[in-house]
Amino acid sequence: MIRMRKLAKSLMAAALLVSAANAHAVLVDFKAAAEPGGYYGESAWNSFSLLPYYGIDVDITAKKVEKNAFVYLDSNKAGMGVCGALNDDGKKVADSATNKGGNLCQPSDDDNITIDEELIFTFNEAVVINTIWFNTNHDSDFDLVGNDDMISIFGVFGDVYNFKVSDVDESRGDPHRYDVMYVKSIVFPAGSSAAISYYNEQFYLSALNINRVPEPGTLALLGLAIAGLGFSRRRQAH
């Protein structure tokens, strides 16, 4: 009986540890990653994966006027945007890998998210996104607060969001280019997809706070551990 209780406790401890590890939030900071000293630097992508560096199996692609476009990491305190076409330097290496270098877009200012552009997220594993930050680097007044029907947050869910003063995050950016944040926990099952779309102003995707969802096997293990503890306690009571 003692051995059984020890086994159940060990299983529960292991399940909790794995679950806690999987639930750890990861800050995916596109603004920092795009800087010259960042992991990626300024670059264009046919498909950008969070898996190699961030350890989360999510792919990001881009569309412009319903046609495939490039995911673009723009430096100078910007973040992730959409580029409709690359200049000659970019086209020479245009494949599934990164196209690194400054001013790859043609025209060069087409590197944020604007009218008829969107970022498409494909979730190859279940995740929870808790916070999304947006950067106003190319917005006409460097301010997204109060703009009507500004951004469709993961538009397949129909959530059109207007930013408030309370959404301004002064910990991110300089006095003229503060990020604004959208705080809402959204669960995305494995195999699902969603999009961030333009409605009114120009912006970049600055960062995501994202969690991996514990795998079903982990949850099952936790359930077995708890059931084992309950069984051992009932045996002990008799």
Protein backbone atom coordinates (compact mmCIF):
# COMPACT_ATOMS: atom_id res chain seq x y z
CA MET A 1 0.00 0.00 0.00
CA ILE A 2 2.83 2.38 0.87
CA ARG A 3 4.51 1.48 -2.39
CA MET A 4 1.29 2.24 -4.28
CA ARG A 5 0.91 5.63 -2.62
CA LYS A 6 4.52 6.48 -3.46
CA LEU A 7 3.98 5.49 -7.08
CA ALA A 8 0.81 7.57 -7.33
CA LYS A 9 2.56 10.57 -5.79
CA SER A 10 5.49 10.17 -8.16
CA LEU A 11 3.16 10.03 -11.15
CA MET A 12 1.29 13.10 -9.97
CA ALA A 13 4.51 15.03 -9.39
CA ALA A 14 5.80 14.10 -12.83
CA ALA A 15 2.51 15.09 -14.47
CA LEU A 16 2.45 18.43 -12.67
CA LEU A 17 6.04 19.16 -13.65
CA VAL A 18 5.41 18.41 -17.32
CA SER A 19 2.15 20.33 -17.27
CA ALA A 20 3.82 23.35 -15.67
CA ALA A 21 6.62 23.25 -18.23
CA ASN A 22 4.17 23.10 -21.11
CA ALA A 23 2.11 25.95 -19.66
CA HIS A 24 5.11 28.28 -19.40
CA ALA A 25 4.43 31.50 -21.30
CA VAL A 26 6.80 32.46 -24.11
CA LEU A 27 7.21 36.09 -25.18
CA VAL A 28 7.65 36.13 -28.96
CA ASP A 29 9.11 39.62 -29.47
CA PHE A 30 9.06 40.38 -33.20
CA LYS A 31 10.28 43.92 -32.65
CA ALA A 32 13.45 42.77 -30.87
CA ALA A 33 13.99 39.86 -33.30
CA ALA A 34 14.02 42.25 -36.28
CA GLU A 35 16.78 44.51 -34.95
CA PRO A 36 20.35 44.12 -36.32
CA GLY A 37 21.40 42.46 -33.05
CA GLY A 38 18.23 40.33 -32.92
CA TYR A 39 18.00 36.64 -33.70
CA TYR A 40 16.64 37.19 -37.23
CA GLY A 41 17.41 40.77 -38.17
CA GLU A 42 15.45 42.54 -40.88
CA SER A 43 14.23 39.81 -43.21
CA ALA A 44 11.47 38.56 -45.52
CA TRP A 45 9.87 35.13 -45.30
CA ASN A 46 7.54 33.03 -47.43
CA SER A 47 6.62 31.26 -44.21
CA PHE A 48 7.84 32.20 -40.73
CA SER A 49 7.94 29.43 -38.10
CA LEU A 50 8.01 29.96 -34.33
CA LEU A 51 9.38 26.44 -33.85
CA PRO A 52 13.15 26.77 -34.44
CA TYR A 53 13.82 29.62 -32.00
CA TYR A 54 10.73 29.83 -29.78
CA GLY A 55 9.93 26.11 -29.57
CA ILE A 56 6.26 26.48 -30.49
CA ASP A 57 4.91 24.84 -33.65
CA VAL A 58 3.11 27.77 -35.26
CA ASP A 59 3.61 28.97 -38.85
CA ILE A 60 2.90 32.51 -40.07
CA THR A 61 2.25 33.42 -43.70
CA ALA A 62 1.01 36.62 -45.35
CA LYS A 63 -1.56 37.71 -47.92
CA LYS A 64 -2.00 40.96 -49.84
CA VAL A 65 -5.24 41.45 -51.79
CA GLU A 66 -5.95 37.72 -51.33
CA LYS A 67 -2.62 36.77 -52.94
CA ASN A 68 0.40 35.25 -51.24
CA ALA A 69 2.87 37.80 -49.90
CA PHE A 70 5.96 37.86 -47.69
CA VAL A 71 6.03 37.96 -43.90
CA TYR A 72 8.38 40.83 -43.12
CA LEU A 73 10.45 41.56 -40.02
CA ASP A 74 11.19 45.29 -40.05
CA SER A 75 13.90 46.84 -37.87
CA ASN A 76 13.98 50.33 -36.32
CA LYS A 77 11.54 49.49 -33.51
CA ALA A 78 8.87 48.12 -35.86
CA GLY A 79 8.07 44.38 -35.81
CA MET A 80 6.29 41.96 -38.15
CA GLY A 81 4.41 43.19 -41.19
CA VAL A 82 3.48 42.20 -44.75
CA CYS A 83 5.52 42.82 -47.90
CA GLY A 84 3.76 42.40 -51.25
CA ALA A 85 6.90 42.11 -53.38
CA LEU A 86 10.67 42.01 -52.88
CA ASN A 87 13.30 44.06 -54.67
CA ASP A 88 15.99 42.37 -56.76
CA ASP A 89 18.24 41.64 -53.78
CA GLY A 90 15.44 39.77 -52.06
CA LYS A 91 14.27 37.88 -55.14
CA LYS A 92 17.67 36.29 -55.58
CA VAL A 93 17.12 34.22 -52.45
CA ALA A 94 13.31 34.11 -52.32
CA ASP A 95 12.47 30.68 -50.96
CA SER A 96 11.15 29.17 -47.73
CA ALA A 97 14.18 30.45 -45.83
CA THR A 98 14.83 33.98 -44.68
CA ASN A 99 15.79 36.77 -47.09
CA LYS A 100 18.02 38.95 -44.93
CA GLY A 101 19.00 42.55 -45.47
CA GLY A 102 17.70 46.08 -45.16
CA ASN A 103 14.88 47.50 -47.31
CA LEU A 104 13.97 44.27 -49.11
CA CYS A 105 10.42 45.41 -49.91
CA GLN A 106 9.42 46.93 -53.24
CA PRO A 107 8.41 49.67 -52.57
CA SER A 108 10.54 50.00 -49.45
CA ASP A 109 7.75 51.39 -47.25
CA ASP A 110 5.43 48.42 -47.93
CA ASP A 111 6.62 46.48 -44.90
CA ASN A 112 3.85 46.99 -42.34
CA ILE A 113 0.24 45.78 -42.35
CA THR A 114 -2.13 48.05 -44.25
CA ILE A 115 -5.24 47.84 -46.42
CA ASP A 116 -6.02 44.39 -47.89
CA GLU A 117 -3.13 42.78 -45.99
CA GLU A 118 -3.16 40.13 -43.28
CA LEU A 119 -0.99 37.71 -41.35
CA ILE A 120 -2.24 34.10 -41.34
CA PHE A 121 -1.46 31.88 -38.34
CA THR A 122 -1.48 28.08 -38.69
CA PHE A 123 -1.39 26.27 -35.35
CA ASN A 124 0.30 22.87 -35.68
CA GLU A 125 -0.10 22.29 -31.95
CA ALA A 126 -2.63 23.56 -29.42
CA VAL A 127 -1.70 26.92 -27.90
CA VAL A 128 -3.18 29.75 -25.88
CA ILE A 129 -2.40 33.34 -26.87
CA ASN A 130 -2.84 35.63 -23.87
CA THR A 131 -1.61 39.03 -25.06
CA ILE A 132 -0.91 40.58 -28.45
CA TRP A 133 1.10 43.80 -28.83
CA PHE A 134 0.86 46.12 -31.84
CA ASN A 135 3.35 48.78 -32.87
CA THR A 136 2.41 52.13 -34.43
CA ASN A 137 5.71 52.87 -36.16
CA HIS A 138 4.10 53.76 -39.53
CA ASP A 139 0.73 54.96 -38.31
CA SER A 140 0.00 58.51 -39.45
CA ASP A 141 -0.22 59.87 -35.89
CA PHE A 142 1.75 57.10 -34.09
CA ASP A 143 -1.38 56.35 -32.09
CA LEU A 144 -3.87 53.50 -32.47
CA VAL A 145 -6.07 54.62 -29.55
CA GLY A 146 -9.64 55.42 -30.54
CA ASN A 147 -9.36 54.43 -34.20
CA ASP A 148 -12.70 52.97 -35.27
CA ASP A 149 -12.72 49.28 -36.21
CA MET A 150 -8.93 49.40 -36.42
CA ILE A 151 -7.78 45.80 -36.34
CA SER A 152 -9.54 42.48 -36.71
CA ILE A 153 -7.86 40.33 -34.06
CA PHE A 154 -7.82 36.81 -35.47
CA GLY A 155 -10.61 37.87 -37.75
CA VAL A 156 -12.04 34.41 -38.31
CA PHE A 157 -13.53 34.87 -34.85
CA GLY A 158 -15.08 38.20 -35.81
CA ASP A 159 -13.37 40.14 -33.04
CA VAL A 160 -12.86 43.71 -34.32
CA TYR A 161 -11.10 45.69 -31.63
CA ASN A 162 -10.80 49.42 -30.87
CA PHE A 163 -7.84 50.25 -28.66
CA LYS A 164 -8.30 52.28 -25.47
CA VAL A 165 -5.90 54.49 -23.53
CA SER A 166 -5.59 51.71 -20.97
CA ASP A 167 -4.17 49.44 -23.71
CA VAL A 168 -1.05 51.58 -24.18
CA ASP A 169 2.00 49.71 -22.85
CA GLU A 170 4.62 52.28 -21.88
CA SER A 171 7.10 49.52 -21.09
CA ARG A 172 7.42 48.84 -24.84
CA GLY A 173 8.65 51.55 -27.20
CA ASP A 174 9.72 55.17 -27.06
CA PRO A 175 7.42 58.11 -26.16
CA HIS A 176 6.19 58.46 -29.75
CA ARG A 177 5.84 54.79 -30.60
CA TYR A 178 4.43 52.95 -27.62
CA ASP A 179 2.97 49.54 -28.27
CA VAL A 180 -0.68 48.92 -27.56
CA MET A 181 -1.84 45.56 -26.26
CA TYR A 182 -4.86 43.33 -26.69
CA VAL A 183 -5.33 41.13 -23.63
CA LYS A 184 -7.60 38.13 -24.06
CA SER A 185 -6.80 34.45 -23.66
CA ILE A 186 -7.73 32.60 -26.87
CA VAL A 187 -7.30 28.84 -27.25
CA PHE A 188 -6.29 27.62 -30.70
CA PRO A 189 -6.56 23.83 -31.20
CA ALA A 190 -3.96 21.98 -33.26
CA GLY A 191 -4.86 22.18 -36.94
CA SER A 192 -6.71 25.49 -36.66
CA SER A 193 -5.79 28.78 -38.31
CA ALA A 194 -6.60 32.46 -37.86
CA ALA A 195 -5.63 35.89 -39.14
CA ILE A 196 -4.79 39.43 -38.09
CA SER A 197 -6.17 41.93 -40.60
CA TYR A 198 -6.09 45.65 -41.34
CA TYR A 199 -9.22 47.77 -40.96
CA ASN A 200 -8.30 51.44 -40.70
CA GLU A 201 -4.70 52.28 -39.79
CA GLN A 202 -1.22 50.93 -40.45
CA PHE A 203 0.54 48.82 -37.85
CA TYR A 204 3.05 46.07 -37.09
CA LEU A 205 2.64 42.97 -34.96
CA SER A 206 5.07 43.71 -32.14
CA ALA A 207 4.90 40.68 -29.83
CA LEU A 208 2.84 37.70 -28.64
CA ASN A 209 2.55 36.09 -25.22
CA ILE A 210 1.85 32.45 -26.04
CA ASN A 211 1.52 29.19 -24.06
CA ARG A 212 1.68 25.62 -25.22
CA VAL A 213 -1.37 23.61 -24.12
CA PRO A 214 -0.47 20.44 -22.15
CA GLU A 215 -0.80 17.37 -24.34
CA PRO A 216 -3.68 14.93 -23.75
CA GLY A 217 -1.19 12.31 -22.54
CA THR A 218 0.02 14.67 -19.83
CA LEU A 219 -3.52 15.36 -18.66
CA ALA A 220 -4.31 11.65 -18.69
CA LEU A 221 -1.22 10.94 -16.61
CA LEU A 222 -2.26 13.58 -14.10
CA GLY A 223 -5.73 12.02 -13.92
CA LEU A 224 -4.30 8.56 -13.31
CA ALA A 225 -2.06 9.91 -10.56
CA ILE A 226 -4.96 11.61 -8.81
CA ALA A 227 -7.13 8.51 -9.20
CA GLY A 228 -4.30 6.40 -7.77
CA LEU A 229 -4.05 8.63 -4.73
CA GLY A 230 -7.79 8.47 -4.20
CA PHE A 231 -7.76 4.67 -4.47
CA SER A 232 -4.89 4.31 -2.00
CA ARG A 233 -6.66 6.57 0.49
CA ARG A 234 -9.86 4.53 0.24
CA ARG A 235 -7.88 1.31 0.81
CA GLN A 236 -6.18 2.91 3.80
CA ALA A 237 -9.56 3.97 5.24
CA HIS A 238 -10.76 0.36 5.10
